[in-house]
Protein backbone atom coordinates (compact mmCIF):
# COMPACT_ATOMS: atom_id res chain seq x y z
CA MET A 1 97.09 -134.44 -128.04
CA LEU A 2 98.54 -134.05 -124.51
CA THR A 3 99.70 -137.14 -122.65
CA LEU A 4 98.50 -137.94 -119.14
CA VAL A 5 101.73 -136.70 -117.54
CA GLU A 6 101.66 -133.47 -119.55
CA SER A 7 98.00 -132.90 -118.66
CA ARG A 8 98.72 -133.34 -114.92
CA HIS A 9 101.73 -131.05 -115.14
CA LEU A 10 99.68 -128.45 -117.01
CA HIS A 11 96.95 -128.64 -114.36
CA SER A 12 99.52 -128.29 -111.55
CA THR A 13 101.09 -125.32 -113.32
CA SER A 14 97.69 -123.67 -113.75
CA VAL A 15 96.89 -124.09 -110.03
CA SER A 16 100.29 -122.67 -109.08
CA ILE A 17 99.84 -119.66 -111.35
CA ASN A 18 96.40 -118.93 -109.93
CA HIS A 19 97.84 -119.13 -106.40
CA ILE A 20 100.63 -116.75 -107.39
CA PHE A 21 98.13 -114.29 -108.84
CA ASN A 22 96.02 -114.43 -105.67
CA THR A 23 99.10 -113.86 -103.49
CA HIS A 24 100.20 -110.82 -105.48
CA ARG A 25 96.67 -109.48 -105.56
CA ASN A 26 96.28 -109.75 -101.77
CA ARG A 27 99.56 -107.88 -101.32
CA GLY A 28 98.31 -105.03 -103.51
CA ILE A 29 101.22 -105.35 -105.95
CA ARG A 30 100.98 -103.32 -109.14
CA HIS A 31 101.96 -104.56 -112.55
CA LYS A 32 102.31 -103.02 -115.96
CA SER A 33 99.80 -103.32 -118.76
CA ARG A 34 100.64 -103.95 -122.41
CA ASP A 35 101.04 -100.22 -123.12
CA GLY A 36 103.46 -99.80 -120.21
CA ALA A 37 101.05 -98.02 -117.84
CA THR A 38 101.02 -99.07 -114.19
CA ILE A 39 97.73 -100.74 -113.26
CA PRO A 40 96.64 -101.59 -109.68
CA VAL A 41 95.63 -105.21 -109.20
CA PRO A 42 91.94 -105.72 -108.25
CA GLY A 43 91.33 -106.69 -104.66
CA SER A 44 94.04 -104.34 -103.33
CA GLY A 45 91.58 -101.63 -102.27
CA ARG A 46 92.60 -99.36 -105.14
CA VAL A 47 91.17 -98.46 -108.54
CA PRO A 48 89.80 -101.61 -110.26
CA LEU A 49 91.07 -102.86 -113.57
CA PRO A 50 89.15 -102.47 -116.83
CA ALA A 51 87.18 -105.50 -117.95
CA GLU A 52 89.78 -106.72 -120.43
CA HIS A 53 92.60 -106.64 -117.85
CA SER A 54 90.53 -108.13 -115.03
CA GLU A 55 89.83 -111.17 -117.20
CA GLU A 56 93.56 -111.59 -117.75
CA VAL A 57 94.52 -111.37 -114.07
CA LYS A 58 91.75 -113.26 -112.25
CA GLY A 59 92.59 -116.63 -113.74
CA SER A 60 92.09 -118.82 -116.74
CA PRO A 61 89.03 -117.89 -118.86
CA LYS A 62 85.96 -120.03 -118.35
CA SER A 63 84.28 -119.45 -121.70
CA ALA A 64 84.65 -117.61 -124.99
CA SER A 65 83.68 -113.97 -125.46
CA PRO A 66 80.18 -113.12 -126.82
CA SER A 67 81.63 -111.96 -130.13
CA ALA A 68 83.57 -115.22 -130.56
CA LEU A 69 80.50 -117.30 -129.72
CA SER A 70 78.29 -115.36 -132.13
CA SER A 71 80.78 -115.98 -134.94
CA LEU A 72 80.92 -119.66 -134.02
CA GLN A 73 77.14 -119.97 -133.99
CA LEU A 74 76.93 -118.24 -137.38
CA ALA A 75 79.44 -120.68 -138.87
CA LEU A 76 77.60 -123.67 -137.44
CA SER A 77 74.22 -122.45 -138.69
CA THR A 78 75.52 -122.35 -142.26
CA SER A 79 76.92 -125.89 -142.01
CA THR A 80 73.76 -127.57 -140.70
CA THR A 81 73.13 -130.99 -142.19
CA ALA A 82 70.45 -130.80 -144.89
CA TYR A 83 68.15 -133.59 -145.93
CA HIS A 84 67.31 -132.48 -149.46
CA SER A 85 67.80 -135.99 -150.85
CA TYR A 86 65.15 -137.47 -148.55
CA ASP A 87 62.74 -134.67 -149.40
CA THR A 88 63.29 -135.28 -153.11
CA TYR A 89 62.67 -139.02 -152.84
CA ILE A 90 59.47 -138.54 -150.86
CA GLU A 91 58.22 -135.84 -153.21
CA ASP A 92 58.92 -138.02 -156.27
CA GLY A 93 57.05 -140.93 -154.69
CA LEU A 94 54.00 -138.80 -153.90
CA ILE A 95 53.98 -137.36 -157.43
CA CYS A 96 54.15 -140.86 -158.91
CA LEU A 97 51.25 -141.98 -156.70
CA LYS A 98 49.26 -138.89 -157.69
CA HIS A 99 49.71 -139.72 -161.39
CA LYS A 100 48.67 -143.32 -160.71
CA ILE A 101 45.48 -142.15 -159.01
CA ARG A 102 44.72 -139.86 -161.94
CA ASN A 103 45.12 -142.72 -164.43
CA ILE A 104 42.89 -145.02 -162.35
CA GLU A 105 40.30 -142.26 -162.14
CA LYS A 106 40.30 -141.91 -165.93
CA LYS A 107 39.90 -145.67 -166.27
CA ARG A 108 36.97 -145.65 -163.84
CA LEU A 109 35.21 -142.93 -165.82
CA LYS A 110 35.71 -144.88 -169.03
CA LEU A 111 34.27 -148.05 -167.47
CA GLU A 112 31.30 -146.11 -166.14
CA ASP A 113 30.67 -144.92 -169.69
CA TYR A 114 30.81 -148.52 -170.93
CA LYS A 115 28.35 -149.59 -168.23
CA SER A 116 26.01 -146.76 -169.15
CA ARG A 117 26.11 -147.71 -172.81
CA LEU A 118 25.52 -151.36 -171.92
CA GLU A 119 22.51 -150.47 -169.75
CA ASN A 120 21.06 -148.42 -172.62
CA GLY A 121 21.17 -151.48 -174.86
CA LYS A 122 24.18 -150.52 -176.92
CA ALA A 123 26.52 -153.27 -178.08
CA LEU A 124 30.10 -153.49 -176.79
CA ASN A 125 33.02 -155.41 -178.23
CA GLN A 126 34.79 -158.23 -176.41
CA ASP A 127 37.53 -156.03 -174.92
CA GLN A 128 34.99 -153.51 -173.64
CA MET A 129 32.92 -156.28 -172.06
CA GLU A 130 35.99 -157.68 -170.28
CA ALA A 131 36.86 -154.18 -169.06
CA VAL A 132 33.35 -153.67 -167.64
CA GLU A 133 33.72 -156.88 -165.64
CA LYS A 134 36.75 -155.35 -163.89
CA TYR A 135 34.87 -152.21 -162.80
CA ASP A 136 34.62 -153.25 -159.14
CA GLU A 137 38.33 -154.06 -159.07
CA VAL A 138 39.18 -150.63 -160.51
CA VAL A 139 37.00 -148.88 -157.92
CA HIS A 140 38.66 -150.86 -155.14
CA ASN A 141 42.15 -150.00 -156.45
CA LEU A 142 41.23 -146.33 -156.66
CA ALA A 143 40.02 -146.25 -153.06
CA PHE A 144 43.14 -148.08 -151.90
CA ALA A 145 45.43 -145.66 -153.78
CA LYS A 146 43.71 -142.61 -152.26
CA GLU A 147 43.97 -144.08 -148.77
CA LEU A 148 47.63 -144.86 -149.37
CA GLN A 149 48.24 -141.30 -150.55
CA LYS A 150 46.65 -139.94 -147.38
CA THR A 151 48.69 -142.25 -145.14
CA LEU A 152 51.97 -141.48 -146.91
CA GLY A 153 51.27 -137.76 -146.67
CA ALA A 154 50.87 -138.00 -142.89
CA LEU A 155 53.99 -140.17 -142.54
CA THR A 156 55.94 -137.73 -144.68
CA GLN A 157 55.08 -134.84 -142.38
CA ASP A 158 56.16 -136.87 -139.34
CA LEU A 159 59.42 -137.81 -141.07
CA LEU A 160 60.22 -134.23 -142.01
CA ARG A 161 59.54 -133.03 -138.46
CA GLY A 162 61.81 -135.76 -137.10
CA GLN A 163 64.57 -134.80 -139.52
CA LYS A 164 64.35 -131.15 -138.51
CA LYS A 165 64.61 -132.09 -134.83
CA MET A 166 67.60 -134.33 -135.58
CA ALA A 167 69.34 -131.58 -137.54
CA LYS A 168 68.75 -129.11 -134.70
CA ARG A 169 70.08 -131.60 -132.14
CA GLU A 170 73.21 -132.25 -134.21
CA GLN A 171 73.78 -128.51 -134.55
CA MET A 172 73.53 -128.03 -130.78
CA LEU A 173 75.96 -130.91 -130.15
CA ARG A 174 78.49 -129.46 -132.59
CA ALA A 175 78.13 -126.04 -130.98
CA ASP A 176 78.76 -127.50 -127.51
CA MET A 177 81.83 -129.40 -128.74
CA GLU A 178 83.23 -126.28 -130.40
CA LYS A 179 82.63 -124.24 -127.24
CA LYS A 180 84.49 -126.80 -125.13
CA ARG A 181 87.35 -126.98 -127.62
CA LEU A 182 87.58 -123.20 -127.82
CA GLY A 183 87.52 -122.93 -124.02
CA THR A 184 90.40 -125.42 -123.72
CA VAL A 185 92.44 -123.54 -126.32
CA LEU A 186 91.87 -120.23 -124.52
CA GLN A 187 92.85 -121.76 -121.16
CA VAL A 188 96.11 -123.15 -122.57
CA HIS A 189 96.80 -119.83 -124.31
CA HIS A 190 96.19 -117.96 -121.06
CA ILE A 191 98.59 -120.25 -119.16
CA LEU A 192 101.31 -119.86 -121.78
CA GLN A 193 100.93 -116.07 -121.72
CA SER A 194 101.03 -116.05 -117.92
CA LEU A 195 104.28 -118.02 -117.92
CA GLN A 196 105.92 -115.16 -119.83
CA GLN A 197 105.36 -112.68 -117.00
CA GLU A 198 108.51 -111.85 -115.06
CA ARG A 199 107.08 -112.27 -111.57
CA VAL A 200 105.72 -115.69 -112.49
CA LYS A 201 109.13 -116.74 -113.82
CA LYS A 202 110.71 -115.49 -110.61
CA ASP A 203 108.35 -117.55 -108.46
CA PHE A 204 109.06 -120.68 -110.51
CA ARG A 205 112.82 -120.13 -110.29
CA SER A 206 112.74 -119.63 -106.53
CA GLY A 207 109.86 -121.97 -105.67
CA LEU A 208 107.81 -119.22 -104.02
CA ASN A 209 104.01 -119.22 -103.65
CA HIS A 210 103.82 -123.01 -104.02
CA ALA A 211 105.40 -122.89 -107.48
CA PRO A 212 107.02 -126.27 -108.34
CA LEU A 213 110.77 -126.18 -108.75
CA PRO A 214 112.27 -127.71 -111.91
CA ALA A 215 113.72 -131.18 -111.37
CA ARG A 216 117.47 -131.14 -110.81
CA PRO A 217 119.67 -133.80 -112.46
CA ARG A 218 121.00 -136.48 -110.14
CA ALA A 219 124.66 -136.68 -109.28
CA GLY A 220 126.57 -138.72 -111.83
CA ALA A 221 123.66 -138.72 -114.28
CA PRO A 222 124.60 -137.99 -117.91
CA ALA A 223 123.84 -134.47 -119.04
């Protein structure tokens, strides 16, 4: 991490370099490319630079290249937060409720059979008679379970939609943070590369084009 003093110095250096580039560009000065060929600086009224060189001369890059961003987006899409555990818990709960409803339904059918036998004058044992007395309770429980299943199903859909929106929002936030971090790295890299150019070094040594001079040691100060 850069300290406050280093950040201010880096910003001042970047401004000075941009001013130096603009000064040389207005004068129509040529410079050499990486392969040694002489290239006219854009803005001098001569042949313009190719795209890759114009990016290098105009100033610090503002954003990453399309190819770099596409690779970044691909990496982020594969690392999206998944909510499989929540889906599993909800699915297990709905399955359990479904089995409960099926068991209550079987019990209701059995009690209806007991009631039919009782109405036809057939004799029932004590346990069957007690079960018939709970018929209304079983019907009420069955209706309540079905209503609960319907409500939970609707809430589950809302929850899953909310989780998908949250995952998408988190992915977008991570992508924005990575873009900013990558842009900062490219700006620092551009500044460091620019400081290696001979004309920039010359301006810093002589203090030309508003380039800050290095601080000189005071008289009598230890080396």
